[in-house]
């Protein structure tokens, strides 16, 4: 994999397809790509993650000084439940998030959430020492796709302040259609939708919302939670192209495709 250099003026951003929680403790080509991304960028002042796994009925940002590691899954090996990602929080960054997006209201969460596996499963590869402060922004389940795209646009000034913004989800995420007989394969409908997303993100990222009219949208996005983090990075791009970090599929119905913004010297 080629190591790329970030823009000088802006902290890069990324959408990382996180897939199974097992990626947190495995080493594969996806985790290697995440690690390479972490080595390729300047050390951020803080990290803001929009994770598919904090999907609630409000817009909120974690504002505690010591966020807990949340194991929000079941049926996995004990080794996964033993993972701890003891990154500090960043109340000042949380307050900056709430201020930057006004008049949209984002509440400060000081005690209910923490760092869920959508966040720590990738960050323990991107920044394994857990020394960089982390905050999470919730996904408001009551709002439409356009709300999340616009909120991503409003977060853009944080990149000028040294904050790395990561969206963690999956462009294609259909758990009911999983086929473990094809661990690295993708169904035809999953590939069609992933390819359509790639075409838009590489050329017309501002048109990402048109994907909801794609004939495979209902199969690829049966629930919005894993798709929404992508909209935040597309919002940050504001029409500029995203670069593909890695692509691939898991169990037929999961896309592991990941994208970066502001790498390769592009003016993003």
C-alpha atoms as a PDB file:
ATOM      1  CA  UNK A   1       0.000   0.000   0.000  1.00  0.00           C
ATOM      2  CA  UNK A   2       1.296   3.457  -0.919  1.00  0.00           C
ATOM      3  CA  UNK A   3       1.738   5.879   1.966  1.00  0.00           C
ATOM      4  CA  UNK A   4       0.047   9.185   1.156  1.00  0.00           C
ATOM      5  CA  UNK A   5       0.679  12.652   2.492  1.00  0.00           C
ATOM      6  CA  UNK A   6      -2.112  14.791   3.983  1.00  0.00           C
ATOM      7  CA  UNK A   7      -2.903  18.405   3.199  1.00  0.00           C
ATOM      8  CA  UNK A   8      -0.776  20.898   5.097  1.00  0.00           C
ATOM      9  CA  UNK A   9      -3.655  23.130   6.196  1.00  0.00           C
ATOM     10  CA  UNK A  10      -6.408  20.686   7.107  1.00  0.00           C
ATOM     11  CA  UNK A  11      -6.559  17.564   9.194  1.00  0.00           C
ATOM     12  CA  UNK A  12      -7.755  14.696   6.977  1.00  0.00           C
ATOM     13  CA  UNK A  13     -11.031  12.899   7.537  1.00  0.00           C
ATOM     14  CA  UNK A  14     -12.106   9.339   6.779  1.00  0.00           C
ATOM     15  CA  UNK A  15     -14.984   6.926   6.451  1.00  0.00           C
ATOM     16  CA  UNK A  16     -13.911   3.490   7.654  1.00  0.00           C
ATOM     17  CA  UNK A  17     -16.021   0.411   6.935  1.00  0.00           C
ATOM     18  CA  UNK A  18     -15.666  -1.379  10.251  1.00  0.00           C
ATOM     19  CA  UNK A  19     -17.558  -4.646   9.662  1.00  0.00           C
ATOM     20  CA  UNK A  20     -17.481  -7.277  12.395  1.00  0.00           C
ATOM     21  CA  UNK A  21     -16.275  -6.378  15.916  1.00  0.00           C
ATOM     22  CA  UNK A  22     -13.700  -9.140  15.397  1.00  0.00           C
ATOM     23  CA  UNK A  23     -11.694  -6.712  13.273  1.00  0.00           C
ATOM     24  CA  UNK A  24     -10.671  -5.126  16.563  1.00  0.00           C
ATOM     25  CA  UNK A  25      -8.534  -8.147  17.461  1.00  0.00           C
ATOM     26  CA  UNK A  26      -7.705  -9.489  14.007  1.00  0.00           C
ATOM     27  CA  UNK A  27      -5.012  -8.492  11.542  1.00  0.00           C
ATOM     28  CA  UNK A  28      -6.157  -8.447   7.928  1.00  0.00           C
ATOM     29  CA  UNK A  29      -5.926  -6.192   4.918  1.00  0.00           C
ATOM     30  CA  UNK A  30      -8.591  -3.864   6.300  1.00  0.00           C
ATOM     31  CA  UNK A  31      -6.919  -3.367   9.671  1.00  0.00           C
ATOM     32  CA  UNK A  32      -3.609  -2.910   7.866  1.00  0.00           C
ATOM     33  CA  UNK A  33      -5.174  -0.139   5.791  1.00  0.00           C
ATOM     34  CA  UNK A  34      -6.474   1.567   8.937  1.00  0.00           C
ATOM     35  CA  UNK A  35      -3.020   1.334  10.515  1.00  0.00           C
ATOM     36  CA  UNK A  36      -1.407   2.788   7.389  1.00  0.00           C
ATOM     37  CA  UNK A  37      -3.874   5.670   7.481  1.00  0.00           C
ATOM     38  CA  UNK A  38      -2.923   6.443  11.087  1.00  0.00           C
ATOM     39  CA  UNK A  39       0.776   6.445  10.228  1.00  0.00           C
ATOM     40  CA  UNK A  40       0.208   8.723   7.234  1.00  0.00           C
ATOM     41  CA  UNK A  41      -1.357  11.685   8.993  1.00  0.00           C
ATOM     42  CA  UNK A  42      -0.174  14.251  11.550  1.00  0.00           C
ATOM     43  CA  UNK A  43      -1.070  13.482  15.145  1.00  0.00           C
ATOM     44  CA  UNK A  44      -4.469  15.084  15.694  1.00  0.00           C
ATOM     45  CA  UNK A  45      -5.339  17.238  18.681  1.00  0.00           C
ATOM     46  CA  UNK A  46      -8.455  15.115  19.164  1.00  0.00           C
ATOM     47  CA  UNK A  47     -10.640  12.655  17.272  1.00  0.00           C
ATOM     48  CA  UNK A  48     -14.357  13.044  16.592  1.00  0.00           C
ATOM     49  CA  UNK A  49     -16.047   9.786  15.580  1.00  0.00           C
ATOM     50  CA  UNK A  50     -19.522   9.377  14.150  1.00  0.00           C
ATOM     51  CA  UNK A  51     -20.220   5.699  14.868  1.00  0.00           C
ATOM     52  CA  UNK A  52     -23.103   3.610  13.554  1.00  0.00           C
ATOM     53  CA  UNK A  53     -23.535   2.209  17.050  1.00  0.00           C
ATOM     54  CA  UNK A  54     -24.679   5.378  18.799  1.00  0.00           C
ATOM     55  CA  UNK A  55     -28.027   5.636  17.044  1.00  0.00           C
ATOM     56  CA  UNK A  56     -30.455   7.339  19.394  1.00  0.00           C
ATOM     57  CA  UNK A  57     -33.408   9.736  19.489  1.00  0.00           C
ATOM     58  CA  UNK A  58     -31.321  12.899  19.840  1.00  0.00           C
ATOM     59  CA  UNK A  59     -28.176  14.671  18.672  1.00  0.00           C
ATOM     60  CA  UNK A  60     -25.504  14.504  21.358  1.00  0.00           C
ATOM     61  CA  UNK A  61     -21.739  14.548  21.782  1.00  0.00           C
ATOM     62  CA  UNK A  62     -19.771  12.814  24.520  1.00  0.00           C
ATOM     63  CA  UNK A  63     -18.345  15.380  26.938  1.00  0.00           C
ATOM     64  CA  UNK A  64     -16.926  13.274  29.766  1.00  0.00           C
ATOM     65  CA  UNK A  65     -13.219  13.413  30.655  1.00  0.00           C
ATOM     66  CA  UNK A  66     -12.832   9.640  30.925  1.00  0.00           C
ATOM     67  CA  UNK A  67     -15.179   7.838  28.508  1.00  0.00           C
ATOM     68  CA  UNK A  68     -15.744   4.150  29.194  1.00  0.00           C
ATOM     69  CA  UNK A  69     -15.091   1.397  26.657  1.00  0.00           C
ATOM     70  CA  UNK A  70     -18.494  -0.001  25.661  1.00  0.00           C
ATOM     71  CA  UNK A  71     -18.877  -3.623  24.551  1.00  0.00           C
ATOM     72  CA  UNK A  72     -22.149  -3.215  22.668  1.00  0.00           C
ATOM     73  CA  UNK A  73     -22.468  -6.727  21.223  1.00  0.00           C
ATOM     74  CA  UNK A  74     -22.944 -10.319  22.320  1.00  0.00           C
ATOM     75  CA  UNK A  75     -21.941 -13.823  21.227  1.00  0.00           C
ATOM     76  CA  UNK A  76     -18.291 -13.024  20.561  1.00  0.00           C
ATOM     77  CA  UNK A  77     -15.132 -14.468  22.179  1.00  0.00           C
ATOM     78  CA  UNK A  78     -14.088 -13.376  25.671  1.00  0.00           C
ATOM     79  CA  UNK A  79     -10.968 -11.793  24.164  1.00  0.00           C
ATOM     80  CA  UNK A  80     -13.134  -9.159  22.501  1.00  0.00           C
ATOM     81  CA  UNK A  81     -14.933  -8.286  25.737  1.00  0.00           C
ATOM     82  CA  UNK A  82     -11.546  -7.845  27.413  1.00  0.00           C
ATOM     83  CA  UNK A  83     -10.538  -5.071  25.012  1.00  0.00           C
ATOM     84  CA  UNK A  84     -10.111  -1.692  26.671  1.00  0.00           C
ATOM     85  CA  UNK A  85      -9.463   1.528  24.760  1.00  0.00           C
ATOM     86  CA  UNK A  86      -8.653   4.004  27.550  1.00  0.00           C
ATOM     87  CA  UNK A  87      -8.477   7.185  25.496  1.00  0.00           C
ATOM     88  CA  UNK A  88      -9.294  10.374  27.393  1.00  0.00           C
ATOM     89  CA  UNK A  89     -12.269  12.489  26.475  1.00  0.00           C
ATOM     90  CA  UNK A  90     -12.175  16.106  25.317  1.00  0.00           C
ATOM     91  CA  UNK A  91     -14.919  18.250  26.888  1.00  0.00           C
ATOM     92  CA  UNK A  92     -13.546  21.337  25.108  1.00  0.00           C
ATOM     93  CA  UNK A  93     -13.907  19.651  21.715  1.00  0.00           C
ATOM     94  CA  UNK A  94     -17.419  18.501  22.633  1.00  0.00           C
ATOM     95  CA  UNK A  95     -18.337  22.102  23.445  1.00  0.00           C
ATOM     96  CA  UNK A  96     -16.789  23.233  20.146  1.00  0.00           C
ATOM     97  CA  UNK A  97     -18.927  20.689  18.263  1.00  0.00           C
ATOM     98  CA  UNK A  98     -22.097  21.929  19.962  1.00  0.00           C
ATOM     99  CA  UNK A  99     -21.177  25.532  19.138  1.00  0.00           C
ATOM    100  CA  UNK A 100     -20.072  25.023  15.528  1.00  0.00           C
ATOM    101  CA  UNK A 101     -23.287  23.331  14.413  1.00  0.00           C
ATOM    102  CA  UNK A 102     -25.657  25.982  15.807  1.00  0.00           C
ATOM    103  CA  UNK A 103     -28.539  26.654  15.333  1.00  0.00           C
ATOM    104  CA  UNK A 104     -28.802  22.849  15.224  1.00  0.00           C
ATOM    105  CA  UNK A 105     -28.919  21.656  18.822  1.00  0.00           C
ATOM    106  CA  UNK A 106     -26.416  19.055  20.003  1.00  0.00           C
ATOM    107  CA  UNK A 107     -26.487  18.148  23.680  1.00  0.00           C
ATOM    108  CA  UNK A 108     -23.466  17.432  25.859  1.00  0.00           C
ATOM    109  CA  UNK A 109     -23.484  13.875  27.201  1.00  0.00           C
ATOM    110  CA  UNK A 110     -21.447  13.686  30.400  1.00  0.00           C
ATOM    111  CA  UNK A 111     -22.399  10.236  31.681  1.00  0.00           C
ATOM    112  CA  UNK A 112     -24.518   7.981  29.421  1.00  0.00           C
ATOM    113  CA  UNK A 113     -22.263   6.843  26.571  1.00  0.00           C
ATOM    114  CA  UNK A 114     -18.537   6.475  25.968  1.00  0.00           C
ATOM    115  CA  UNK A 115     -16.473   4.793  23.232  1.00  0.00           C
ATOM    116  CA  UNK A 116     -18.449   2.042  21.468  1.00  0.00           C
ATOM    117  CA  UNK A 117     -17.051  -0.734  19.309  1.00  0.00           C
ATOM    118  CA  UNK A 118     -17.753   1.156  16.095  1.00  0.00           C
ATOM    119  CA  UNK A 119     -15.107   3.558  17.374  1.00  0.00           C
ATOM    120  CA  UNK A 120     -12.587   1.454  19.270  1.00  0.00           C
ATOM    121  CA  UNK A 121     -12.549  -1.443  16.802  1.00  0.00           C
ATOM    122  CA  UNK A 122     -10.922   0.887  14.260  1.00  0.00           C
ATOM    123  CA  UNK A 123      -9.044   3.283  16.546  1.00  0.00           C
ATOM    124  CA  UNK A 124      -7.056   0.525  18.225  1.00  0.00           C
ATOM    125  CA  UNK A 125      -5.497  -0.013  14.774  1.00  0.00           C
ATOM    126  CA  UNK A 126      -5.324   3.646  13.689  1.00  0.00           C
ATOM    127  CA  UNK A 127      -3.898   4.888  17.017  1.00  0.00           C
ATOM    128  CA  UNK A 128      -3.151   1.811  19.144  1.00  0.00           C
ATOM    129  CA  UNK A 129      -1.699   3.680  22.140  1.00  0.00           C
ATOM    130  CA  UNK A 130      -5.087   5.322  22.908  1.00  0.00           C
ATOM    131  CA  UNK A 131      -3.383   8.573  23.902  1.00  0.00           C
ATOM    132  CA  UNK A 132      -5.386  10.958  21.689  1.00  0.00           C
ATOM    133  CA  UNK A 133      -8.642  12.349  23.155  1.00  0.00           C
ATOM    134  CA  UNK A 134     -11.809  10.919  21.614  1.00  0.00           C
ATOM    135  CA  UNK A 135     -15.360  12.248  21.426  1.00  0.00           C
ATOM    136  CA  UNK A 136     -18.359  10.663  19.715  1.00  0.00           C
ATOM    137  CA  UNK A 137     -21.267  12.340  17.965  1.00  0.00           C
ATOM    138  CA  UNK A 138     -24.556  10.464  18.040  1.00  0.00           C
ATOM    139  CA  UNK A 139     -26.740   9.684  15.038  1.00  0.00           C
ATOM    140  CA  UNK A 140     -30.171  11.228  15.501  1.00  0.00           C
ATOM    141  CA  UNK A 141     -32.640   8.527  14.432  1.00  0.00           C
ATOM    142  CA  UNK A 142     -35.467  11.043  14.141  1.00  0.00           C
ATOM    143  CA  UNK A 143     -33.806  13.041  11.343  1.00  0.00           C
ATOM    144  CA  UNK A 144     -33.644  12.419   7.593  1.00  0.00           C
ATOM    145  CA  UNK A 145     -30.595  11.878   5.406  1.00  0.00           C
ATOM    146  CA  UNK A 146     -30.301  15.566   4.510  1.00  0.00           C
ATOM    147  CA  UNK A 147     -29.947  16.497   8.209  1.00  0.00           C
ATOM    148  CA  UNK A 148     -26.887  14.292   8.611  1.00  0.00           C
ATOM    149  CA  UNK A 149     -25.253  15.526   5.395  1.00  0.00           C
ATOM    150  CA  UNK A 150     -25.715  19.143   6.476  1.00  0.00           C
ATOM    151  CA  UNK A 151     -24.408  18.443   9.973  1.00  0.00           C
ATOM    152  CA  UNK A 152     -21.276  17.015   8.379  1.00  0.00           C
ATOM    153  CA  UNK A 153     -20.805  20.245   6.416  1.00  0.00           C
ATOM    154  CA  UNK A 154     -21.080  22.292   9.592  1.00  0.00           C
ATOM    155  CA  UNK A 155     -18.356  20.266  11.311  1.00  0.00           C
ATOM    156  CA  UNK A 156     -15.779  21.296   8.688  1.00  0.00           C
ATOM    157  CA  UNK A 157     -14.086  24.051  10.786  1.00  0.00           C
ATOM    158  CA  UNK A 158     -12.949  21.410  13.274  1.00  0.00           C
ATOM    159  CA  UNK A 159     -10.476  20.104  10.698  1.00  0.00           C
ATOM    160  CA  UNK A 160      -8.744  23.498  10.776  1.00  0.00           C
ATOM    161  CA  UNK A 161      -8.395  23.062  14.548  1.00  0.00           C
ATOM    162  CA  UNK A 162      -6.507  19.779  14.311  1.00  0.00           C
ATOM    163  CA  UNK A 163      -9.486  17.487  14.911  1.00  0.00           C
ATOM    164  CA  UNK A 164      -9.564  14.231  12.949  1.00  0.00           C
ATOM    165  CA  UNK A 165     -13.130  13.330  11.939  1.00  0.00           C
ATOM    166  CA  UNK A 166     -13.949   9.676  11.292  1.00  0.00           C
ATOM    167  CA  UNK A 167     -17.216   8.121  10.180  1.00  0.00           C
ATOM    168  CA  UNK A 168     -17.436   4.447  11.154  1.00  0.00           C
ATOM    169  CA  UNK A 169     -20.074   2.279   9.497  1.00  0.00           C
ATOM    170  CA  UNK A 170     -20.594   0.263   6.308  1.00  0.00           C
ATOM    171  CA  UNK A 171     -21.953   1.436   2.955  1.00  0.00           C
ATOM    172  CA  UNK A 172     -23.629  -1.953   2.547  1.00  0.00           C
ATOM    173  CA  UNK A 173     -24.804  -3.510   5.817  1.00  0.00           C
ATOM    174  CA  UNK A 174     -27.498  -6.178   5.754  1.00  0.00           C
ATOM    175  CA  UNK A 175     -27.126  -8.594   8.673  1.00  0.00           C
ATOM    176  CA  UNK A 176     -30.166 -10.650   7.679  1.00  0.00           C
ATOM    177  CA  UNK A 177     -28.521 -11.555   4.367  1.00  0.00           C
ATOM    178  CA  UNK A 178     -25.142 -12.661   5.756  1.00  0.00           C
ATOM    179  CA  UNK A 179     -23.644 -15.669   3.987  1.00  0.00           C
ATOM    180  CA  UNK A 180     -20.599 -16.940   5.867  1.00  0.00           C
ATOM    181  CA  UNK A 181     -19.782 -19.367   3.063  1.00  0.00           C
ATOM    182  CA  UNK A 182     -18.322 -16.410   1.147  1.00  0.00           C
ATOM    183  CA  UNK A 183     -16.149 -14.626   3.731  1.00  0.00           C
ATOM    184  CA  UNK A 184     -14.594 -12.277   1.167  1.00  0.00           C
ATOM    185  CA  UNK A 185     -17.445 -12.188  -1.332  1.00  0.00           C
ATOM    186  CA  UNK A 186     -20.222  -9.766  -2.091  1.00  0.00           C
ATOM    187  CA  UNK A 187     -23.653 -10.401  -3.557  1.00  0.00           C
ATOM    188  CA  UNK A 188     -24.312  -8.810  -6.954  1.00  0.00           C
ATOM    189  CA  UNK A 189     -26.704  -6.273  -5.431  1.00  0.00           C
ATOM    190  CA  UNK A 190     -24.126  -5.345  -2.772  1.00  0.00           C
ATOM    191  CA  UNK A 191     -21.475  -4.763  -5.425  1.00  0.00           C
ATOM    192  CA  UNK A 192     -23.816  -2.693  -7.564  1.00  0.00           C
ATOM    193  CA  UNK A 193     -24.673  -0.396  -4.684  1.00  0.00           C
ATOM    194  CA  UNK A 194     -21.082  -0.129  -3.471  1.00  0.00           C
ATOM    195  CA  UNK A 195     -19.960   0.699  -7.015  1.00  0.00           C
ATOM    196  CA  UNK A 196     -22.629   3.386  -7.324  1.00  0.00           C
ATOM    197  CA  UNK A 197     -21.436   4.938  -4.058  1.00  0.00           C
ATOM    198  CA  UNK A 198     -17.831   4.825  -5.274  1.00  0.00           C
ATOM    199  CA  UNK A 199     -18.742   6.626  -8.488  1.00  0.00           C
ATOM    200  CA  UNK A 200     -20.432   9.448  -6.604  1.00  0.00           C
ATOM    201  CA  UNK A 201     -17.782   9.786  -3.897  1.00  0.00           C
ATOM    202  CA  UNK A 202     -14.987   9.900  -6.451  1.00  0.00           C
ATOM    203  CA  UNK A 203     -16.582  12.550  -8.619  1.00  0.00           C
ATOM    204  CA  UNK A 204     -19.835  14.018  -7.254  1.00  0.00           C
ATOM    205  CA  UNK A 205     -19.845  13.592  -3.490  1.00  0.00           C
ATOM    206  CA  UNK A 206     -22.440  16.339  -3.065  1.00  0.00           C
ATOM    207  CA  UNK A 207     -24.937  14.046  -4.858  1.00  0.00           C
ATOM    208  CA  UNK A 208     -24.580  11.222  -2.336  1.00  0.00           C
ATOM    209  CA  UNK A 209     -28.231  11.528  -1.265  1.00  0.00           C
ATOM    210  CA  UNK A 210     -29.338  10.369  -4.716  1.00  0.00           C
ATOM    211  CA  UNK A 211     -28.326   6.860  -3.634  1.00  0.00           C
ATOM    212  CA  UNK A 212     -31.666   6.497  -1.845  1.00  0.00           C
ATOM    213  CA  UNK A 213     -33.243   6.099  -5.297  1.00  0.00           C
ATOM    214  CA  UNK A 214     -30.869   3.299  -6.284  1.00  0.00           C
ATOM    215  CA  UNK A 215     -32.763   0.051  -6.980  1.00  0.00           C
ATOM    216  CA  UNK A 216     -30.582  -1.822  -4.466  1.00  0.00           C
ATOM    217  CA  UNK A 217     -30.889   0.758  -1.689  1.00  0.00           C
ATOM    218  CA  UNK A 218     -33.431  -1.255   0.333  1.00  0.00           C
ATOM    219  CA  UNK A 219     -31.197  -4.339   0.304  1.00  0.00           C
ATOM    220  CA  UNK A 220     -27.959  -2.452   0.976  1.00  0.00           C
ATOM    221  CA  UNK A 221     -29.390  -0.097   3.607  1.00  0.00           C
ATOM    222  CA  UNK A 222     -32.231  -1.927   5.373  1.00  0.00           C
ATOM    223  CA  UNK A 223     -31.575   0.310   8.398  1.00  0.00           C
ATOM    224  CA  UNK A 224     -29.858   3.707   8.160  1.00  0.00           C
ATOM    225  CA  UNK A 225     -27.461   3.457  11.120  1.00  0.00           C
ATOM    226  CA  UNK A 226     -24.394   2.100   9.289  1.00  0.00           C
ATOM    227  CA  UNK A 227     -24.957   4.262   6.207  1.00  0.00           C
ATOM    228  CA  UNK A 228     -25.333   7.605   7.983  1.00  0.00           C
ATOM    229  CA  UNK A 229     -21.662   8.032   9.061  1.00  0.00           C
ATOM    230  CA  UNK A 230     -20.732   8.164   5.370  1.00  0.00           C
ATOM    231  CA  UNK A 231     -22.955  11.233   4.941  1.00  0.00           C
ATOM    232  CA  UNK A 232     -20.914  13.173   7.490  1.00  0.00           C
ATOM    233  CA  UNK A 233     -17.706  12.647   5.520  1.00  0.00           C
ATOM    234  CA  UNK A 234     -19.505  13.472   2.272  1.00  0.00           C
ATOM    235  CA  UNK A 235     -20.770  16.630   3.970  1.00  0.00           C
ATOM    236  CA  UNK A 236     -17.223  17.556   4.950  1.00  0.00           C
ATOM    237  CA  UNK A 237     -16.148  17.005   1.332  1.00  0.00           C
ATOM    238  CA  UNK A 238     -18.817  19.458   0.152  1.00  0.00           C
ATOM    239  CA  UNK A 239     -18.598  18.264  -3.443  1.00  0.00           C
ATOM    240  CA  UNK A 240     -14.889  17.440  -3.504  1.00  0.00           C
ATOM    241  CA  UNK A 241     -13.766  13.906  -4.343  1.00  0.00           C
ATOM    242  CA  UNK A 242     -12.973  11.289  -1.723  1.00  0.00           C
ATOM    243  CA  UNK A 243     -10.157   8.796  -2.213  1.00  0.00           C
ATOM    244  CA  UNK A 244     -10.705   5.086  -1.743  1.00  0.00           C
ATOM    245  CA  UNK A 245      -8.502   3.677   1.004  1.00  0.00           C
ATOM    246  CA  UNK A 246      -9.501   0.031   0.513  1.00  0.00           C
ATOM    247  CA  UNK A 247     -12.407  -1.950  -0.890  1.00  0.00           C
ATOM    248  CA  UNK A 248     -13.851  -5.372  -0.294  1.00  0.00           C
ATOM    249  CA  UNK A 249     -16.753  -7.402   1.044  1.00  0.00           C
ATOM    250  CA  UNK A 250     -17.534  -9.720   3.916  1.00  0.00           C
ATOM    251  CA  UNK A 251     -20.134 -12.499   4.104  1.00  0.00           C
ATOM    252  CA  UNK A 252     -21.897 -11.339   0.963  1.00  0.00           C
ATOM    253  CA  UNK A 253     -23.848  -8.455   2.451  1.00  0.00           C
ATOM    254  CA  UNK A 254     -21.240  -6.217   4.106  1.00  0.00           C
ATOM    255  CA  UNK A 255     -19.101  -3.699   2.238  1.00  0.00           C
ATOM    256  CA  UNK A 256     -15.750  -2.970   3.876  1.00  0.00           C
ATOM    257  CA  UNK A 257     -14.950  -0.101   1.507  1.00  0.00           C
ATOM    258  CA  UNK A 258     -13.273   2.878   3.186  1.00  0.00           C
ATOM    259  CA  UNK A 259     -12.561   6.418   2.004  1.00  0.00           C
ATOM    260  CA  UNK A 260     -10.328   9.320   2.965  1.00  0.00           C
ATOM    261  CA  UNK A 261     -10.703  13.056   2.499  1.00  0.00           C
ATOM    262  CA  UNK A 262      -7.761  15.440   2.231  1.00  0.00           C
ATOM    263  CA  UNK A 263      -5.095  12.892   1.378  1.00  0.00           C
ATOM    264  CA  UNK A 264      -2.982  12.664  -1.818  1.00  0.00           C
ATOM    265  CA  UNK A 265      -2.433  16.413  -1.705  1.00  0.00           C
ATOM    266  CA  UNK A 266      -6.003  17.162  -2.837  1.00  0.00           C
ATOM    267  CA  UNK A 267      -7.533  20.481  -1.823  1.00  0.00           C
ATOM    268  CA  UNK A 268     -10.159  19.069   0.491  1.00  0.00           C
END
